[in-house]
Amino acid sequence: MIAGLLMILGVYGLCAVIIHAFYAYSRRTGESEEVYQLVVVTRNSAAKIEWYLYAYLFVSWLRGRQTVITVFDDSSEDETVSIVRKVAEEWPNVRLYESIEGLDLFLEEHESQPLLLLHLFRMDLSPKRPLHQW
């Protein structure tokens, strides 16, 4: 039983090494990496914004995707903006716009990229899409 478990762990480790080697090779050969955009529109979303940002960053990391998260705040009166600022200080690929004035222009500029638009303030506390579908 222990030998079987060790074999499973060894195969898993070998697969991880092969995937990382392939990724390093593809980066060295200059293949362009697709950038995924998550656009989050918030309004008084302090209760859920931090979880959504960290969850999406984690899922993107697991999938090996280069992801940029852009947050447009729609006049929040709670701690939403300060929470996003804190996350943006830690993660340079998280950007904050403190109004929604530039949202339409931003969407037009990035329409050729894979883009997910999430109106967080219109959602209840449970996500409509499971994380594995992002």
C-alpha atoms as a PDB file:
ATOM      1  CA  MET A   1       0.000   0.000   0.000  1.00  0.00           C
ATOM      2  CA  ILE A   2       2.817   2.429   0.841  1.00  0.00           C
ATOM      3  CA  ALA A   3       4.634   1.482  -2.353  1.00  0.00           C
ATOM      4  CA  GLY A   4       1.505   2.262  -4.374  1.00  0.00           C
ATOM      5  CA  LEU A   5       1.131   5.623  -2.677  1.00  0.00           C
ATOM      6  CA  LEU A   6       4.778   6.458  -3.328  1.00  0.00           C
ATOM      7  CA  MET A   7       4.368   5.472  -6.973  1.00  0.00           C
ATOM      8  CA  ILE A   8       1.338   7.764  -7.336  1.00  0.00           C
ATOM      9  CA  LEU A   9       3.235  10.647  -5.742  1.00  0.00           C
ATOM     10  CA  GLY A  10       6.247   9.966  -7.972  1.00  0.00           C
ATOM     11  CA  VAL A  11       4.137   9.968 -11.148  1.00  0.00           C
ATOM     12  CA  TYR A  12       2.421  13.160 -10.021  1.00  0.00           C
ATOM     13  CA  GLY A  13       5.774  14.835  -9.347  1.00  0.00           C
ATOM     14  CA  LEU A  14       7.141  13.694 -12.703  1.00  0.00           C
ATOM     15  CA  CYS A  15       4.101  15.138 -14.485  1.00  0.00           C
ATOM     16  CA  ALA A  16       4.566  18.448 -12.681  1.00  0.00           C
ATOM     17  CA  VAL A  17       8.227  18.577 -13.738  1.00  0.00           C
ATOM     18  CA  ILE A  18       7.312  17.811 -17.364  1.00  0.00           C
ATOM     19  CA  ILE A  19       4.640  20.531 -17.411  1.00  0.00           C
ATOM     20  CA  HIS A  20       7.017  23.109 -15.929  1.00  0.00           C
ATOM     21  CA  ALA A  21       9.737  22.123 -18.410  1.00  0.00           C
ATOM     22  CA  PHE A  22       7.295  22.477 -21.309  1.00  0.00           C
ATOM     23  CA  TYR A  23       6.172  25.863 -19.994  1.00  0.00           C
ATOM     24  CA  ALA A  24       9.793  27.066 -19.673  1.00  0.00           C
ATOM     25  CA  TYR A  25      10.528  25.856 -23.209  1.00  0.00           C
ATOM     26  CA  SER A  26       7.477  27.620 -24.661  1.00  0.00           C
ATOM     27  CA  ARG A  27       8.444  30.874 -22.884  1.00  0.00           C
ATOM     28  CA  ARG A  28      11.981  30.598 -24.262  1.00  0.00           C
ATOM     29  CA  THR A  29      10.813  30.031 -27.834  1.00  0.00           C
ATOM     30  CA  GLY A  30       8.819  33.254 -27.722  1.00  0.00           C
ATOM     31  CA  GLU A  31       5.316  31.898 -28.018  1.00  0.00           C
ATOM     32  CA  SER A  32       2.959  34.669 -27.003  1.00  0.00           C
ATOM     33  CA  GLU A  33       0.922  34.098 -23.912  1.00  0.00           C
ATOM     34  CA  GLU A  34      -2.719  35.080 -23.975  1.00  0.00           C
ATOM     35  CA  VAL A  35      -3.736  37.605 -21.329  1.00  0.00           C
ATOM     36  CA  TYR A  36      -7.094  37.040 -19.649  1.00  0.00           C
ATOM     37  CA  GLN A  37      -9.009  40.043 -18.372  1.00  0.00           C
ATOM     38  CA  LEU A  38     -11.397  39.979 -15.438  1.00  0.00           C
ATOM     39  CA  VAL A  39     -13.363  43.206 -15.106  1.00  0.00           C
ATOM     40  CA  VAL A  40     -15.174  43.570 -11.788  1.00  0.00           C
ATOM     41  CA  VAL A  41     -17.724  46.323 -11.209  1.00  0.00           C
ATOM     42  CA  THR A  42     -18.332  46.909  -7.513  1.00  0.00           C
ATOM     43  CA  ARG A  43     -20.655  48.951  -5.330  1.00  0.00           C
ATOM     44  CA  ASN A  44     -20.563  48.394  -1.582  1.00  0.00           C
ATOM     45  CA  SER A  45     -19.057  44.935  -2.133  1.00  0.00           C
ATOM     46  CA  ALA A  46     -16.668  44.845   0.817  1.00  0.00           C
ATOM     47  CA  ALA A  47     -18.155  41.580   2.089  1.00  0.00           C
ATOM     48  CA  LYS A  48     -17.168  39.622  -1.005  1.00  0.00           C
ATOM     49  CA  ILE A  49     -14.594  41.500  -3.105  1.00  0.00           C
ATOM     50  CA  GLU A  50     -11.475  40.170  -1.405  1.00  0.00           C
ATOM     51  CA  TRP A  51     -12.640  36.559  -1.712  1.00  0.00           C
ATOM     52  CA  TYR A  52     -13.440  36.968  -5.406  1.00  0.00           C
ATOM     53  CA  LEU A  53     -10.101  38.589  -6.194  1.00  0.00           C
ATOM     54  CA  TYR A  54      -7.995  35.998  -4.361  1.00  0.00           C
ATOM     55  CA  ALA A  55     -10.092  33.108  -5.675  1.00  0.00           C
ATOM     56  CA  TYR A  56      -9.737  34.238  -9.281  1.00  0.00           C
ATOM     57  CA  LEU A  57      -6.003  34.847  -8.853  1.00  0.00           C
ATOM     58  CA  PHE A  58      -5.613  31.352  -7.375  1.00  0.00           C
ATOM     59  CA  VAL A  59      -7.613  29.658 -10.143  1.00  0.00           C
ATOM     60  CA  SER A  60      -5.660  31.583 -12.783  1.00  0.00           C
ATOM     61  CA  TRP A  61      -2.403  30.516 -11.164  1.00  0.00           C
ATOM     62  CA  LEU A  62      -3.539  26.869 -11.128  1.00  0.00           C
ATOM     63  CA  ARG A  63      -4.419  27.032 -14.819  1.00  0.00           C
ATOM     64  CA  GLY A  64      -1.197  28.846 -15.703  1.00  0.00           C
ATOM     65  CA  ARG A  65      -3.014  31.824 -17.163  1.00  0.00           C
ATOM     66  CA  GLN A  66      -1.660  35.336 -17.244  1.00  0.00           C
ATOM     67  CA  THR A  67      -4.528  37.322 -15.750  1.00  0.00           C
ATOM     68  CA  VAL A  68      -5.181  41.004 -15.229  1.00  0.00           C
ATOM     69  CA  ILE A  69      -7.994  41.998 -12.886  1.00  0.00           C
ATOM     70  CA  THR A  70      -9.440  45.477 -13.324  1.00  0.00           C
ATOM     71  CA  VAL A  71     -11.862  46.748 -10.702  1.00  0.00           C
ATOM     72  CA  PHE A  72     -14.230  49.630 -11.470  1.00  0.00           C
ATOM     73  CA  ASP A  73     -15.908  50.960  -8.350  1.00  0.00           C
ATOM     74  CA  ASP A  74     -19.352  52.527  -8.634  1.00  0.00           C
ATOM     75  CA  SER A  75     -19.453  54.961  -5.686  1.00  0.00           C
ATOM     76  CA  SER A  76     -18.952  52.522  -2.824  1.00  0.00           C
ATOM     77  CA  GLU A  77     -19.643  53.847   0.634  1.00  0.00           C
ATOM     78  CA  ASP A  78     -18.013  50.957   2.491  1.00  0.00           C
ATOM     79  CA  GLU A  79     -14.446  49.590   2.580  1.00  0.00           C
ATOM     80  CA  THR A  80     -14.496  48.154  -0.959  1.00  0.00           C
ATOM     81  CA  VAL A  81     -11.938  50.585  -2.405  1.00  0.00           C
ATOM     82  CA  SER A  82      -9.490  50.180   0.480  1.00  0.00           C
ATOM     83  CA  ILE A  83      -9.723  46.378   0.231  1.00  0.00           C
ATOM     84  CA  VAL A  84      -8.978  46.457  -3.506  1.00  0.00           C
ATOM     85  CA  ARG A  85      -6.081  48.878  -2.907  1.00  0.00           C
ATOM     86  CA  LYS A  86      -4.610  46.445  -0.361  1.00  0.00           C
ATOM     87  CA  VAL A  87      -4.857  43.543  -2.816  1.00  0.00           C
ATOM     88  CA  ALA A  88      -3.420  45.703  -5.643  1.00  0.00           C
ATOM     89  CA  GLU A  89      -0.375  46.535  -3.531  1.00  0.00           C
ATOM     90  CA  GLU A  90       0.324  42.826  -3.161  1.00  0.00           C
ATOM     91  CA  TRP A  91      -0.560  41.827  -6.741  1.00  0.00           C
ATOM     92  CA  PRO A  92       0.607  44.153  -9.551  1.00  0.00           C
ATOM     93  CA  ASN A  93      -1.860  42.636 -12.009  1.00  0.00           C
ATOM     94  CA  VAL A  94      -4.826  43.989 -10.005  1.00  0.00           C
ATOM     95  CA  ARG A  95      -5.839  47.502 -11.063  1.00  0.00           C
ATOM     96  CA  LEU A  96      -8.356  49.842  -9.491  1.00  0.00           C
ATOM     97  CA  TYR A  97     -10.429  52.605 -11.050  1.00  0.00           C
ATOM     98  CA  GLU A  98     -12.433  54.494  -8.450  1.00  0.00           C
ATOM     99  CA  SER A  99     -15.276  55.301 -10.865  1.00  0.00           C
ATOM    100  CA  ILE A 100     -17.033  53.601 -13.757  1.00  0.00           C
ATOM    101  CA  GLU A 101     -16.569  56.493 -16.175  1.00  0.00           C
ATOM    102  CA  GLY A 102     -13.917  54.714 -18.243  1.00  0.00           C
ATOM    103  CA  LEU A 103     -15.581  51.296 -18.271  1.00  0.00           C
ATOM    104  CA  ASP A 104     -17.046  51.495 -21.800  1.00  0.00           C
ATOM    105  CA  LEU A 105     -13.760  52.716 -23.271  1.00  0.00           C
ATOM    106  CA  PHE A 106     -11.856  49.983 -21.411  1.00  0.00           C
ATOM    107  CA  LEU A 107     -14.197  47.287 -22.770  1.00  0.00           C
ATOM    108  CA  GLU A 108     -13.794  48.612 -26.324  1.00  0.00           C
ATOM    109  CA  GLU A 109      -9.994  48.642 -26.041  1.00  0.00           C
ATOM    110  CA  HIS A 110      -9.858  45.048 -24.774  1.00  0.00           C
ATOM    111  CA  GLU A 111     -12.593  43.430 -26.844  1.00  0.00           C
ATOM    112  CA  SER A 112     -10.084  41.274 -28.742  1.00  0.00           C
ATOM    113  CA  GLN A 113      -8.875  39.623 -25.510  1.00  0.00           C
ATOM    114  CA  PRO A 114     -10.655  36.964 -23.470  1.00  0.00           C
ATOM    115  CA  LEU A 115     -12.690  39.026 -21.030  1.00  0.00           C
ATOM    116  CA  LEU A 116     -15.011  38.193 -18.165  1.00  0.00           C
ATOM    117  CA  LEU A 117     -17.216  41.020 -16.886  1.00  0.00           C
ATOM    118  CA  LEU A 118     -18.531  40.554 -13.369  1.00  0.00           C
ATOM    119  CA  HIS A 119     -21.031  42.963 -11.784  1.00  0.00           C
ATOM    120  CA  LEU A 120     -20.316  41.945  -8.217  1.00  0.00           C
ATOM    121  CA  PHE A 121     -22.926  44.177  -6.625  1.00  0.00           C
ATOM    122  CA  ARG A 122     -25.695  42.462  -8.601  1.00  0.00           C
ATOM    123  CA  MET A 123     -24.769  39.017  -7.315  1.00  0.00           C
ATOM    124  CA  ASP A 124     -25.837  37.412  -4.082  1.00  0.00           C
ATOM    125  CA  LEU A 125     -23.233  35.948  -1.701  1.00  0.00           C
ATOM    126  CA  SER A 126     -22.910  32.669  -3.605  1.00  0.00           C
ATOM    127  CA  PRO A 127     -21.189  32.824  -7.011  1.00  0.00           C
ATOM    128  CA  LYS A 128     -23.326  32.104 -10.066  1.00  0.00           C
ATOM    129  CA  ARG A 129     -20.442  30.340 -11.818  1.00  0.00           C
ATOM    130  CA  PRO A 130     -18.311  27.784 -10.003  1.00  0.00           C
ATOM    131  CA  LEU A 131     -14.612  28.627  -9.946  1.00  0.00           C
ATOM    132  CA  HIS A 132     -13.685  25.698 -12.151  1.00  0.00           C
ATOM    133  CA  GLN A 133     -15.677  27.298 -15.010  1.00  0.00           C
ATOM    134  CA  TRP A 134     -13.776  30.630 -14.914  1.00  0.00           C
END
